[in-house]
Amino acid sequence: MRRAKSKRLEMRARRAARRLGEHVQKSRLRTTSIDNLGGYRVVSDGGIVLAGQRYELALAGLLERYEIGRA
């Protein structure tokens, strides 16, 4: 996936999450560890991790969670 396209899809997922009272966090670490796998996680506005506790969600997982790209 090209960088520009993946960034657009990421922003769509972030907007969809915001509409549901959630937000998407991206791991900022360059290397992975047992507790941080370098992907995304979804957090409620109250601070509860809803998905991807160890940042294991890929962009495809976010798109599936918010049903983006389905006709």
Protein backbone atom coordinates (compact mmCIF):
# COMPACT_ATOMS: atom_id res chain seq x y z
CA MET A 1 0.00 0.00 0.00
CA ARG A 2 1.40 3.39 -0.90
CA ARG A 3 2.20 5.76 1.94
CA ALA A 4 -0.31 8.46 0.88
CA LYS A 5 -3.13 5.95 0.52
CA SER A 6 -2.38 4.29 3.86
CA LYS A 7 -2.30 7.70 5.56
CA ARG A 8 -5.73 8.54 4.11
CA LEU A 9 -7.13 5.22 5.32
CA GLU A 10 -5.61 5.79 8.76
CA MET A 11 -7.27 9.19 8.98
CA ARG A 12 -10.62 7.69 7.96
CA ALA A 13 -10.28 5.12 10.75
CA ARG A 14 -9.40 7.87 13.23
CA ARG A 15 -12.48 9.90 12.23
CA ALA A 16 -14.73 6.82 12.49
CA ALA A 17 -13.34 6.11 15.96
CA ARG A 18 -13.90 9.70 17.07
CA ARG A 19 -17.56 9.48 15.99
CA LEU A 20 -17.95 6.48 18.32
CA GLY A 21 -16.26 8.16 21.28
CA GLU A 22 -12.98 6.31 20.79
CA HIS A 23 -9.55 7.26 19.54
CA VAL A 24 -6.78 5.42 17.73
CA GLN A 25 -3.23 5.44 19.06
CA LYS A 26 -0.20 4.47 16.97
CA SER A 27 2.88 3.05 18.59
CA ARG A 28 5.83 5.43 18.37
CA LEU A 29 8.52 2.82 19.04
CA ARG A 30 10.85 1.93 16.18
CA THR A 31 11.56 -1.57 17.49
CA THR A 32 9.03 -4.07 18.75
CA SER A 33 9.02 -5.65 22.19
CA ILE A 34 6.84 -8.19 23.93
CA ASP A 35 4.53 -5.42 25.17
CA ASN A 36 4.60 -3.22 22.08
CA LEU A 37 4.22 -4.80 18.66
CA GLY A 38 4.44 -1.55 16.70
CA GLY A 39 0.88 -1.22 15.43
CA TYR A 40 -2.29 0.53 16.59
CA ARG A 41 -4.66 0.34 19.53
CA VAL A 42 -8.16 1.68 20.15
CA VAL A 43 -8.88 3.52 23.41
CA SER A 44 -12.19 4.82 24.74
CA ASP A 45 -12.53 8.43 25.83
CA GLY A 46 -12.43 7.10 29.40
CA GLY A 47 -8.97 5.62 28.83
CA ILE A 48 -9.97 1.96 28.56
CA VAL A 49 -8.15 -0.03 25.88
CA LEU A 50 -10.82 -1.58 23.66
CA ALA A 51 -8.61 -3.35 21.11
CA GLY A 52 -4.91 -3.86 20.54
CA GLN A 53 -3.69 -3.69 24.12
CA ARG A 54 -0.13 -4.44 22.98
CA TYR A 55 -0.40 -2.28 19.84
CA GLU A 56 -0.94 -5.41 17.77
CA LEU A 57 -3.63 -4.04 15.45
CA ALA A 58 -2.55 -3.48 11.87
CA LEU A 59 -4.16 -0.86 9.63
CA ALA A 60 -6.24 -3.64 8.06
CA GLY A 61 -7.60 -4.49 11.52
CA LEU A 62 -8.65 -0.89 12.07
CA LEU A 63 -10.39 -0.75 8.70
CA GLU A 64 -12.24 -3.97 9.51
CA ARG A 65 -13.24 -2.72 12.97
CA TYR A 66 -14.82 0.43 11.54
CA GLU A 67 -16.06 -1.24 8.33
CA ILE A 68 -14.12 1.11 6.06
CA GLY A 69 -13.77 0.16 2.43
CA ARG A 70 -16.79 -2.12 2.31
CA ALA A 71 -19.53 -1.45 -0.15
